[in-house]
Protein backbone atom coordinates (compact mmCIF):
# COMPACT_ATOMS: atom_id res chain seq x y z
CA MET A 1 -18.82 -8.74 19.24
CA THR A 2 -21.78 -7.25 20.13
CA TYR A 3 -22.97 -8.80 23.36
CA LYS A 4 -18.36 -8.09 24.78
CA GLY A 5 -19.24 -4.19 23.05
CA TRP A 6 -16.57 -4.62 20.81
CA ILE A 7 -16.48 -2.37 17.47
CA ALA A 8 -15.76 -3.46 13.70
CA SER A 9 -13.84 -0.46 13.32
CA PRO A 10 -10.23 0.07 10.72
CA SER A 11 -8.27 0.93 13.71
CA ARG A 12 -8.94 -2.59 15.22
CA ALA A 13 -8.41 -6.26 14.58
CA PHE A 14 -10.28 -9.08 16.28
CA MET A 15 -7.74 -12.64 16.23
CA LEU A 16 -10.51 -15.74 16.49
CA PHE A 17 -8.21 -18.79 18.03
CA LEU A 18 -9.93 -21.90 17.56
CA PRO A 19 -9.70 -25.50 20.16
CA LYS A 20 -6.87 -28.17 19.57
CA GLY A 21 -8.56 -30.35 17.06
CA VAL A 22 -11.21 -27.61 15.42
CA GLY A 23 -10.28 -26.82 12.34
CA THR A 24 -11.91 -24.22 9.65
CA CYS A 25 -12.72 -23.62 6.21
CA PHE A 26 -13.03 -21.59 3.78
CA ASP A 27 -15.30 -23.27 1.16
CA THR A 28 -18.66 -24.90 1.90
CA ALA A 29 -17.68 -28.00 -0.31
CA GLY A 30 -14.72 -28.49 2.69
CA GLN A 31 -12.09 -28.37 0.06
CA GLN A 32 -9.92 -24.98 0.96
CA CYS A 33 -9.24 -26.25 5.17
CA ALA A 34 -6.97 -25.23 7.77
CA PHE A 35 -3.97 -27.96 8.04
CA THR A 36 -4.56 -28.47 4.35
CA ALA A 37 -4.60 -25.76 2.41
CA PHE A 38 -3.71 -22.91 5.03
CA CYS A 39 -2.67 -22.64 8.53
CA ALA A 40 -4.23 -19.12 9.40
CA TYR A 41 -5.58 -16.78 7.37
CA HIS A 42 -6.89 -12.94 7.91
CA SER A 43 -9.96 -11.51 6.26
CA TRP A 44 -12.20 -8.21 6.35
CA PHE A 45 -15.72 -7.80 5.73
CA GLY A 46 -17.42 -4.39 5.66
CA SER A 47 -16.41 -1.30 4.90
CA GLY A 48 -15.46 2.24 5.74
CA ALA A 49 -15.98 2.76 9.42
CA GLY A 50 -17.45 -0.47 9.64
CA VAL A 51 -14.95 -3.11 8.24
CA LEU A 52 -14.67 -6.04 10.78
CA ILE A 53 -10.42 -6.72 9.99
CA TYR A 54 -10.36 -10.65 11.75
CA ALA A 55 -7.63 -13.52 11.44
CA ASN A 56 -9.10 -16.90 11.32
CA VAL A 57 -6.05 -19.02 13.62
CA PRO A 58 -6.82 -22.38 14.02
CA TYR A 59 -4.12 -24.12 16.75
CA ALA A 60 -0.80 -25.09 15.12
CA ASP A 61 -0.78 -28.00 16.79
CA THR A 62 -3.60 -29.66 15.91
CA ALA A 63 -1.44 -30.81 13.21
CA PRO A 64 2.10 -30.46 13.84
CA THR A 65 3.64 -31.91 11.11
CA VAL A 66 1.89 -29.01 8.32
CA CYS A 67 1.21 -26.21 10.86
CA GLY A 68 3.68 -26.50 13.59
CA THR A 69 7.95 -25.21 13.46
CA GLY A 70 9.87 -28.19 16.07
CA GLN A 71 10.56 -26.07 18.30
CA ARG A 72 8.13 -24.82 21.43
CA PRO A 73 10.90 -22.81 23.60
CA TYR A 74 7.99 -22.88 26.45
CA ALA A 75 7.78 -27.06 25.85
CA ASN A 76 3.73 -25.53 25.47
CA ASP A 77 2.59 -26.56 22.11
CA ALA A 78 0.74 -23.45 21.67
CA ASP A 79 4.10 -22.13 20.97
CA GLU A 80 3.72 -23.52 18.11
CA THR A 81 0.24 -20.87 16.79
CA LEU A 82 2.31 -17.77 17.72
CA ASN A 83 4.46 -18.05 14.68
CA VAL A 84 1.19 -17.83 12.55
CA VAL A 85 -0.41 -15.25 15.22
CA SER A 86 3.04 -13.40 14.00
CA HIS A 87 2.48 -13.67 10.76
CA GLU A 88 -1.40 -13.26 10.58
CA HIS A 89 -0.98 -9.77 12.38
CA ARG A 90 1.99 -8.71 9.91
CA GLU A 91 0.02 -9.14 6.85
CA MET A 92 -3.29 -7.46 9.15
CA ILE A 93 -1.22 -4.35 9.88
CA GLU A 94 0.38 -4.20 5.97
CA ASP A 95 -2.46 -5.56 4.08
CA PRO A 96 -6.14 -5.09 5.93
CA VAL A 97 -8.62 -5.41 3.15
CA GLY A 98 -6.54 -7.37 0.44
CA ASN A 99 -6.25 -4.10 -1.41
CA ALA A 100 -2.01 -3.11 -0.61
CA TRP A 101 0.68 -4.57 -0.43
CA TYR A 102 2.03 -7.61 -2.53
CA ASP A 103 5.25 -8.61 -4.63
CA SER A 104 4.49 -9.69 -8.46
CA ALA A 105 3.91 -13.41 -7.33
CA GLY A 106 0.89 -12.28 -5.12
CA TYR A 107 2.77 -12.92 -1.75
CA GLU A 108 2.08 -10.15 1.23
CA GLY A 109 4.91 -10.03 3.27
CA ALA A 110 4.95 -12.47 6.01
CA ASP A 111 4.61 -15.13 2.82
CA LYS A 112 7.37 -14.36 1.45
CA CYS A 113 9.38 -15.63 4.67
CA ALA A 114 6.96 -18.06 6.20
CA TRP A 115 8.63 -20.70 7.59
CA THR A 116 12.26 -19.04 7.53
CA PHE A 117 13.11 -19.23 10.48
CA GLY A 118 16.63 -17.77 10.45
CA ASN A 119 19.83 -19.13 12.76
CA PRO A 120 18.46 -19.41 17.01
CA LEU A 121 19.97 -16.93 18.97
CA GLY A 122 20.02 -19.66 21.18
CA SER A 123 18.53 -22.75 23.10
CA ASN A 124 16.53 -23.78 26.87
CA SER A 125 15.87 -26.92 28.14
CA THR A 126 13.08 -27.84 25.44
CA SER A 127 14.00 -26.01 22.04
CA LYS A 128 15.76 -23.49 20.12
CA TYR A 129 14.37 -19.78 20.20
CA ASN A 130 15.23 -17.03 17.48
CA GLN A 131 13.50 -14.01 19.32
CA VAL A 132 13.90 -12.82 22.74
CA ILE A 133 10.96 -9.90 23.88
CA ASP A 134 10.72 -9.19 27.20
CA ASN A 135 12.63 -11.36 28.48
CA ARG A 136 10.75 -14.64 26.54
CA PHE A 137 11.88 -16.80 24.36
CA TYR A 138 10.26 -17.58 21.21
CA TRP A 139 10.43 -19.76 17.36
CA LEU A 140 9.37 -16.54 14.62
CA GLN A 141 9.42 -16.79 11.26
CA GLU A 142 12.01 -13.68 9.75
CA GLU A 143 9.97 -11.52 8.31
CA TRP A 144 10.31 -9.15 4.96
CA SER A 145 12.77 -6.42 4.75
CA ASN A 146 11.95 -3.77 1.28
CA VAL A 147 15.17 -2.27 2.68
CA GLY A 148 17.55 -5.51 2.20
CA SER A 149 14.83 -7.43 -0.04
CA HIS A 150 15.38 -10.54 1.85
CA CYS A 151 13.65 -12.12 5.16
CA VAL A 152 15.18 -11.04 8.22
CA GLN A 153 14.82 -11.82 11.61
CA ARG A 154 15.26 -7.94 13.71
CA ASP A 155 15.12 -5.05 12.40
CA TYR A 156 18.76 -3.84 11.86
């Protein structure tokens, strides 16, 4: 971060993208690891104006049967990682330092709808898609709506 001139701040978030085949673990014993205990996670360290908010995002196609979505709108194995990026990004916004929005079961908003994709909007030559953003197709999980108390694909 110092080399790049990046500064930790509560108004910034950083994502660490790992290459295919590289995992990571929460613990030094190697028991809480990517593809067995999680597909990605967000966390923080520091406090106040110097807090560093980050997400650790292993390449989902390293273990596609565990962390993949089964859909690749661009016929690219990186398509699988976009779903966990979307999930962690939302949680970094609503719960940047682990003390904000949780339900009674301990789920953050994106956790409540994890691996729930809803109905496809359409399909192309390689896959189904359920989101169109800037004329590009994606397959992303639904997100929790407090308004309707259920998972939704988009704001109505």
